[in-house]
Protein backbone atom coordinates (compact mmCIF):
# COMPACT_ATOMS: atom_id res chain seq x y z
CA MET A 1 20.83 16.37 -2.80
CA SER A 2 18.86 14.14 -0.42
CA GLN A 3 18.60 10.52 -1.55
CA SER A 4 16.65 7.52 -0.31
CA ALA A 5 17.65 3.88 -0.47
CA ALA A 6 15.42 1.70 -2.59
CA THR A 7 13.39 -0.82 -0.61
CA PRO A 8 11.53 -3.85 -1.96
CA THR A 9 7.87 -3.33 -2.81
CA LYS A 10 5.70 -5.02 -0.21
CA SER A 11 4.12 -8.27 -1.28
CA TYR A 12 1.40 -10.10 0.56
CA ARG A 13 1.88 -13.54 -0.92
CA VAL A 14 0.93 -16.31 1.50
CA ARG A 15 1.23 -19.99 0.71
CA ILE A 16 -2.13 -21.65 1.34
CA GLU A 17 -2.04 -25.39 1.97
CA PRO A 18 -5.16 -27.55 1.51
CA THR A 19 -7.05 -28.07 4.77
CA ALA A 20 -9.16 -31.11 5.55
CA ASP A 21 -10.38 -32.88 8.65
CA GLY A 22 -11.14 -36.18 6.99
CA GLY A 23 -14.90 -35.63 7.10
CA GLY A 24 -15.30 -32.97 4.43
CA ARG A 25 -16.38 -30.34 6.94
CA PRO A 26 -15.14 -26.74 6.57
CA PRO A 27 -12.24 -25.94 8.90
CA GLU A 28 -12.21 -23.31 11.62
CA LEU A 29 -10.39 -20.29 10.21
CA ASN A 30 -9.38 -17.27 12.23
CA ALA A 31 -9.67 -13.82 10.66
CA ARG A 32 -6.06 -13.72 9.52
CA GLU A 33 -6.27 -17.14 7.88
CA ALA A 34 -9.53 -16.28 6.15
CA ARG A 35 -8.11 -13.02 4.83
CA ASP A 36 -4.93 -14.66 3.54
CA ARG A 37 -6.88 -17.43 1.83
CA TRP A 38 -9.17 -14.91 0.11
CA LEU A 39 -6.27 -12.75 -1.05
CA ALA A 40 -4.47 -15.80 -2.41
CA LYS A 41 -7.58 -16.66 -4.42
CA ILE A 42 -8.15 -13.22 -5.96
CA ARG A 43 -4.46 -12.67 -6.75
CA ALA A 44 -4.79 -14.66 -9.96
CA SER A 45 -7.19 -12.10 -11.44
CA SER A 46 -6.16 -8.90 -9.64
CA ALA A 47 -3.21 -6.54 -9.79
CA GLU A 48 -0.75 -6.82 -6.91
CA SER A 49 -1.52 -3.21 -5.98
CA THR A 50 -5.20 -4.17 -5.60
CA VAL A 51 -4.34 -7.14 -3.40
CA SER A 52 -2.11 -4.90 -1.28
CA THR A 53 -4.92 -2.37 -0.92
CA TYR A 54 -7.34 -5.07 0.25
CA HIS A 55 -4.71 -6.39 2.66
CA TYR A 56 -4.33 -2.95 4.22
CA ARG A 57 -8.10 -2.37 4.44
CA LEU A 58 -8.59 -5.66 6.30
CA LYS A 59 -5.59 -5.16 8.58
CA HIS A 60 -7.61 -3.35 11.25
CA PHE A 61 -10.37 -5.96 11.25
CA VAL A 62 -7.91 -8.83 11.63
CA GLU A 63 -6.12 -7.08 14.50
CA TRP A 64 -9.42 -6.21 16.17
CA CYS A 65 -10.58 -9.85 16.03
CA GLU A 66 -7.31 -10.97 17.60
CA GLU A 67 -7.61 -8.34 20.33
CA GLN A 68 -11.16 -9.49 21.04
CA GLY A 69 -10.12 -13.14 21.23
CA ILE A 70 -12.31 -14.18 18.29
CA ALA A 71 -10.60 -17.43 17.40
CA SER A 72 -12.76 -18.37 14.40
CA VAL A 73 -14.70 -16.36 11.84
CA SER A 74 -17.55 -18.84 12.40
CA HIS A 75 -18.09 -17.12 15.77
CA LEU A 76 -18.73 -13.73 14.19
CA ASN A 77 -22.21 -12.24 14.41
CA GLY A 78 -23.97 -8.98 13.66
CA TRP A 79 -23.05 -7.50 17.02
CA ASN A 80 -19.35 -8.08 16.33
CA ILE A 81 -19.69 -6.23 13.03
CA GLU A 82 -21.42 -3.35 14.78
CA GLU A 83 -18.74 -3.21 17.48
CA PHE A 84 -15.94 -3.21 14.94
CA GLU A 85 -17.54 -0.34 13.01
CA ALA A 86 -17.98 1.61 16.25
CA HIS A 87 -14.33 0.91 17.08
CA ARG A 88 -13.18 2.35 13.75
CA ARG A 89 -15.49 5.38 14.00
CA ALA A 90 -14.06 6.12 17.45
CA ARG A 91 -10.61 6.37 15.83
CA GLY A 92 -11.84 9.32 13.76
CA ILE A 93 -11.58 7.50 10.45
CA LYS A 94 -12.87 9.37 7.41
CA ILE A 95 -16.23 8.26 6.06
CA THR A 96 -14.67 7.35 2.70
CA SER A 97 -12.06 5.15 4.38
CA LEU A 98 -14.68 3.47 6.57
CA ASN A 99 -16.81 2.83 3.49
CA ASN A 100 -13.81 1.20 1.77
CA GLU A 101 -12.88 -0.92 4.79
CA LEU A 102 -16.40 -2.23 5.37
CA GLY A 103 -16.97 -2.79 1.66
CA THR A 104 -13.85 -4.95 1.49
CA LEU A 105 -14.85 -6.75 4.70
CA LYS A 106 -18.21 -7.52 3.12
CA ASN A 107 -16.41 -9.02 0.10
CA LEU A 108 -14.27 -11.17 2.40
CA LEU A 109 -17.29 -12.46 4.32
CA GLU A 110 -19.14 -13.22 1.09
CA TYR A 111 -16.21 -15.43 0.17
CA CYS A 112 -16.30 -17.01 3.63
CA ALA A 113 -20.03 -17.70 3.28
CA ARG A 114 -19.45 -19.26 -0.14
CA ILE A 115 -16.95 -21.74 1.31
CA GLU A 116 -19.28 -22.26 4.29
CA VAL A 117 -17.02 -21.09 7.11
CA VAL A 118 -19.48 -18.36 8.21
CA ASP A 119 -23.27 -18.18 8.27
CA ASP A 120 -24.86 -17.20 4.95
CA SER A 121 -26.54 -14.21 6.56
CA LEU A 122 -23.35 -12.63 7.94
CA PRO A 123 -22.22 -10.66 4.84
CA GLY A 124 -25.60 -8.90 4.72
CA LYS A 125 -25.00 -7.54 8.21
CA VAL A 126 -22.09 -5.44 6.95
CA VAL A 127 -23.56 -2.13 5.80
CA PRO A 128 -20.90 0.33 4.58
CA PRO A 129 -21.90 3.92 5.32
CA LYS A 130 -23.12 6.03 2.44
CA VAL A 131 -20.52 8.55 1.34
CA PRO A 132 -21.81 12.06 0.57
CA THR A 133 -21.28 12.95 -3.09
CA GLU A 134 -18.94 15.79 -2.25
CA GLU A 135 -16.69 13.39 -0.32
CA GLU A 136 -16.57 10.61 -2.91
CA VAL A 137 -13.43 11.98 -4.54
CA ASP A 138 -10.49 14.00 -3.36
CA ASP A 139 -10.50 17.27 -5.30
CA THR A 140 -7.03 18.24 -4.06
CA ARG A 141 -4.71 18.74 -7.00
CA LEU A 142 -1.66 20.65 -8.11
CA ALA A 143 -3.22 23.72 -9.68
CA GLU A 144 -2.15 24.74 -13.17
CA GLU A 145 -0.68 28.06 -12.08
CA ASP A 146 1.31 26.38 -9.30
CA ALA A 147 2.64 23.70 -11.65
CA LEU A 148 3.77 26.24 -14.22
CA GLN A 149 5.45 28.40 -11.58
CA LEU A 150 7.25 25.37 -10.19
CA LEU A 151 8.40 24.29 -13.65
CA ASP A 152 9.64 27.82 -14.35
CA TYR A 153 11.46 27.84 -11.02
CA TYR A 154 13.33 24.63 -11.83
CA GLU A 155 14.12 25.70 -15.39
CA ASN A 156 15.36 29.18 -14.47
CA ASN A 157 17.58 28.27 -11.50
CA PRO A 158 20.88 26.58 -12.40
CA ASP A 159 21.20 24.99 -8.96
CA VAL A 160 18.04 22.91 -9.45
CA ARG A 161 17.73 22.75 -13.23
CA TYR A 162 17.69 19.11 -14.40
CA SER A 163 17.56 17.93 -10.78
CA ARG A 164 15.64 14.86 -9.68
CA SER A 165 12.81 17.14 -8.54
CA HIS A 166 12.77 18.81 -11.94
CA VAL A 167 12.53 15.53 -13.85
CA LEU A 168 9.90 14.09 -11.48
CA LEU A 169 7.61 17.08 -11.88
CA THR A 170 8.19 17.06 -15.64
CA LEU A 171 7.27 13.38 -15.94
CA GLY A 172 4.33 13.77 -13.58
CA TRP A 173 2.92 16.69 -15.56
CA PHE A 174 3.78 15.95 -19.21
CA ALA A 175 4.38 12.20 -19.57
CA GLY A 176 0.81 10.94 -19.49
CA PRO A 177 0.34 11.94 -16.75
CA PRO A 178 1.48 8.63 -15.24
CA ARG A 179 0.73 6.99 -11.93
CA LEU A 180 3.47 6.74 -9.32
CA GLY A 181 4.22 3.09 -10.17
CA ALA A 182 4.56 3.90 -13.86
CA ILE A 183 7.17 6.57 -13.14
CA ARG A 184 9.06 4.17 -10.90
CA GLY A 185 9.01 1.44 -13.56
CA LEU A 186 10.55 3.52 -16.34
CA ASP A 187 13.96 2.37 -17.61
CA LEU A 188 16.46 4.33 -19.66
CA GLY A 189 15.53 2.13 -22.59
CA ASP A 190 11.87 3.14 -22.28
CA TYR A 191 12.77 6.72 -23.09
CA HIS A 192 13.10 7.60 -26.78
CA PRO A 193 14.35 11.19 -27.10
CA ASP A 194 14.70 11.22 -30.88
CA GLU A 195 11.12 10.03 -31.37
CA GLN A 196 9.98 12.05 -28.33
CA TYR A 197 8.05 9.46 -26.33
CA VAL A 198 8.23 7.14 -23.33
CA GLU A 199 6.95 3.57 -23.08
CA TYR A 200 5.20 2.18 -20.02
CA LYS A 201 5.66 -1.59 -19.70
CA HIS A 202 4.13 -4.08 -17.28
CA ARG A 203 6.97 -6.08 -15.69
CA PRO A 204 5.56 -7.67 -12.51
CA ALA A 205 8.24 -10.37 -12.35
CA GLU A 206 10.82 -7.61 -11.92
CA ASP A 207 8.96 -5.58 -9.31
CA THR A 208 7.57 -2.91 -11.66
CA PRO A 209 3.94 -3.79 -12.40
CA LEU A 210 1.50 -1.33 -13.91
CA LYS A 211 -1.82 -0.55 -12.25
CA ASN A 212 -3.84 -2.07 -15.10
CA ASP A 213 -1.39 -4.87 -15.86
CA ALA A 214 -0.70 -5.40 -19.57
CA ASN A 215 -3.65 -3.13 -20.38
CA GLY A 216 -1.59 -0.29 -18.93
CA GLU A 217 1.19 -0.66 -21.47
CA ARG A 218 1.36 2.28 -23.84
CA ALA A 219 3.58 4.84 -25.52
CA VAL A 220 3.10 8.51 -24.61
CA SER A 221 4.46 11.37 -26.68
CA LEU A 222 6.43 14.14 -24.98
CA PRO A 223 6.68 17.87 -25.72
CA GLN A 224 10.13 19.32 -26.40
CA ARG A 225 10.10 20.99 -22.99
CA ALA A 226 10.00 17.58 -21.34
CA ILE A 227 12.67 16.13 -23.64
CA ASP A 228 15.07 18.91 -22.69
CA VAL A 229 14.59 18.27 -18.97
CA ILE A 230 14.92 14.48 -19.18
CA ASP A 231 18.02 14.75 -21.34
CA GLY A 232 19.57 17.23 -18.90
CA TYR A 233 18.76 15.00 -15.92
CA ILE A 234 20.30 11.93 -17.57
CA GLU A 235 23.46 13.83 -18.46
CA LYS A 236 23.99 15.70 -15.19
CA ASN A 237 22.17 14.15 -12.23
CA ARG A 238 21.06 10.59 -12.88
CA PHE A 239 23.04 8.02 -10.89
CA ASP A 240 24.57 5.38 -13.17
CA VAL A 241 23.12 2.41 -11.29
CA ARG A 242 21.10 -0.73 -11.92
CA ASP A 243 18.28 -2.31 -9.94
CA ASP A 244 18.17 -5.82 -8.47
CA TYR A 245 17.28 -7.24 -11.89
CA GLY A 246 20.13 -5.59 -13.77
CA ARG A 247 17.85 -2.97 -15.32
CA GLU A 248 18.73 0.72 -15.59
CA PRO A 249 15.99 2.86 -14.01
CA LEU A 250 15.31 6.25 -15.57
CA VAL A 251 14.77 7.93 -12.19
CA THR A 252 17.32 6.67 -9.67
CA SER A 253 18.45 6.77 -6.09
CA GLN A 254 22.10 6.22 -5.23
CA ARG A 255 21.42 2.52 -4.75
CA GLY A 256 19.24 1.75 -7.74
CA ARG A 257 15.52 1.92 -8.39
CA PRO A 258 13.76 3.98 -5.70
CA SER A 259 10.84 2.63 -3.72
CA LYS A 260 7.32 3.91 -4.28
CA ASN A 261 7.45 5.68 -0.95
CA ALA A 262 10.69 7.43 -1.88
CA ILE A 263 9.13 8.78 -5.08
CA ARG A 264 6.05 9.86 -3.16
CA VAL A 265 8.15 11.80 -0.64
CA TRP A 266 10.31 13.30 -3.38
CA MET A 267 7.21 14.63 -5.12
CA TYR A 268 5.98 16.22 -1.89
CA LEU A 269 9.37 17.91 -1.53
CA THR A 270 9.30 18.93 -5.20
CA THR A 271 5.96 20.74 -4.90
CA VAL A 272 6.53 22.71 -1.68
CA PRO A 273 5.49 26.25 -2.77
CA CYS A 274 8.33 27.97 -0.91
CA HIS A 275 10.52 27.10 -3.89
CA TYR A 276 9.01 29.89 -5.97
CA THR A 277 7.02 32.18 -3.66
CA GLU A 278 6.65 33.34 -0.09
CA CYS A 279 5.27 30.66 2.17
CA PRO A 280 1.45 30.84 1.96
CA HIS A 281 1.31 29.70 5.59
CA GLY A 282 3.61 32.37 6.98
CA ASN A 283 6.51 30.06 7.78
CA ASN A 284 10.22 30.82 7.36
CA PRO A 285 11.60 28.39 4.74
CA ASP A 286 14.93 28.33 6.57
CA THR A 287 13.35 26.91 9.69
CA CYS A 288 10.11 25.36 8.42
CA GLU A 289 9.85 21.67 9.30
CA TYR A 290 7.90 20.94 6.11
CA VAL A 291 11.02 21.20 3.96
CA ASP A 292 12.43 18.19 5.81
CA TYR A 293 12.33 14.81 4.04
CA SER A 294 10.14 13.22 6.71
CA LYS A 295 7.69 16.13 7.02
CA ALA A 296 7.15 17.33 3.45
CA SER A 297 3.86 15.45 3.11
CA GLN A 298 2.46 17.45 6.03
CA CYS A 299 2.85 20.78 4.26
CA PRO A 300 -0.72 21.90 3.43
CA SER A 301 0.42 23.05 -0.02
CA SER A 302 2.72 20.21 -1.11
CA ARG A 303 1.23 17.62 -3.44
CA SER A 304 1.46 13.85 -3.89
CA PRO A 305 2.06 12.13 -7.25
CA HIS A 306 -1.66 11.39 -7.47
CA GLN A 307 -2.52 15.05 -6.92
CA VAL A 308 -0.01 16.09 -9.59
CA ARG A 309 -1.66 13.59 -11.93
CA THR A 310 -5.09 15.02 -11.10
CA GLY A 311 -3.88 18.55 -11.80
CA ALA A 312 -2.27 17.57 -15.10
CA ILE A 313 -5.41 15.80 -16.32
CA THR A 314 -7.52 18.83 -15.43
CA TRP A 315 -5.02 21.07 -17.21
CA MET A 316 -5.17 18.97 -20.38
CA ARG A 317 -8.95 19.02 -20.38
CA ASN A 318 -8.96 22.79 -19.82
CA ARG A 319 -6.57 23.14 -22.76
CA GLY A 320 -9.15 21.45 -24.95
CA VAL A 321 -7.51 18.03 -25.27
CA PRO A 322 -10.36 15.57 -26.05
CA VAL A 323 -11.26 13.32 -23.16
CA ASP A 324 -10.58 10.16 -25.20
CA VAL A 325 -7.03 11.37 -25.89
CA VAL A 326 -6.52 12.15 -22.20
CA SER A 327 -7.93 8.70 -21.39
CA ALA A 328 -5.38 6.98 -23.64
CA ARG A 329 -2.43 9.01 -22.37
CA ALA A 330 -3.32 8.59 -18.70
CA ASN A 331 -4.52 4.97 -18.99
CA ALA A 332 -7.84 5.62 -17.29
CA SER A 333 -11.37 5.24 -18.60
CA VAL A 334 -13.35 8.30 -19.64
CA SER A 335 -15.80 7.77 -16.78
CA VAL A 336 -12.99 7.48 -14.22
CA ILE A 337 -11.34 10.64 -15.54
CA GLU A 338 -14.58 12.58 -15.35
CA LYS A 339 -15.32 11.41 -11.81
CA HIS A 340 -11.94 11.21 -10.12
CA TYR A 341 -9.49 13.36 -12.03
CA ASP A 342 -11.13 15.99 -14.22
CA LYS A 343 -11.87 18.58 -11.53
CA PRO A 344 -12.19 22.13 -12.91
CA ASN A 345 -13.66 24.77 -10.65
CA TYR A 346 -16.63 26.68 -12.01
CA ILE A 347 -14.49 29.62 -13.21
CA GLU A 348 -12.23 27.27 -15.17
CA GLU A 349 -15.31 25.55 -16.54
CA MET A 350 -16.70 28.84 -17.77
CA GLU A 351 -13.52 30.36 -19.15
CA LYS A 352 -11.89 27.41 -20.85
CA ARG A 353 -14.77 25.15 -21.82
CA ARG A 354 -18.04 27.04 -22.10
CA ARG A 355 -17.00 30.53 -23.20
CA PRO A 356 -15.83 29.31 -26.66
CA HIS A 357 -19.44 28.27 -27.30
CA LEU A 358 -20.88 31.65 -26.33
CA ASP A 359 -21.37 32.68 -29.94
CA LYS A 360 -23.83 29.84 -30.34
CA LEU A 361 -26.13 31.59 -27.88
CA ASP A 362 -26.64 34.67 -30.04
CA PHE A 363 -29.37 35.38 -32.61
CA ALA A 364 -28.50 35.39 -36.27
CA ASP A 365 -29.72 37.97 -38.73
CA ASP A 366 -32.03 35.56 -40.48
CA GLY A 367 -35.07 35.69 -38.24
CA GLY A 368 -33.80 34.67 -34.85
CA GLU A 369 -32.34 31.21 -35.43
CA PHE A 370 -29.41 30.28 -33.21
CA GLN A 371 -26.03 30.40 -34.90
């Protein structure tokens, strides 16, 4: 069974020393310094994952400024902003990604204007492109029928039953569904088989924060099917290891707690459809490069942890689970679920949500009133 060494989660903490020139005038900050100062400021009120996302979104702007020899953000003007946007468009960036990058850049420059290191008018010159409604969210998900076939495959084949792939898919589908970081942060002690639930705890000091910090802490009940798989994994395939903080991860690599990237790659490998059916792309599984650890994410039919989560939320809604219950289990607001996760196609919408109300659209025998 392929394993991956755990690597530390990236952190973008930068020590910011006070800067003064003796006259009270704002200093000259280059793009990298301005970005790091802003991130250091927002870290107090933002999740580390949010800070990391902003760091990545601004990475290209910082590098572009350095390539252009822009030594101070005070030298930036509207033409520079236009040139940077053109530079990113020329790289073929998706409109949603460009919108995110420029929106974050606008936030950075608003901060810079507030501390008077750029002109007040500069933030207004950043105009993120409008994203078409159909591109606002990624509808890609692990479909219900694919998930159930994969789960049946793992349960019915002794060679892979209770494997790491089996437990990952089981957690991703039944245990919330959780985000990637929540799966990674689970300890053996967070799993309660007798009471049939798992606990998600926010432990940022030990490298396992939750997306919504302490607000993400919750207990999620598990069906018996999931209990059986987790128990089997612990007994047969879990490595008896501890992480750097002496904790016992539930899902392990040979060296301890796996990195987020390792879990992401494992889920791609877990959901390759060739496990349970002929390759939908006409490839030979024995020679297909997509079954390789480094290429699994490129398979058009494999799915990421986020896409498994999306599929599981849609499945729960199609099964009639109230949206407020789904919201509590998945730790996402009702509005976020409806926009980003709850993605039935129109056939699913008809069959599983609207058809049960069909009898209300008939006439009663008492003069034509609706039933």
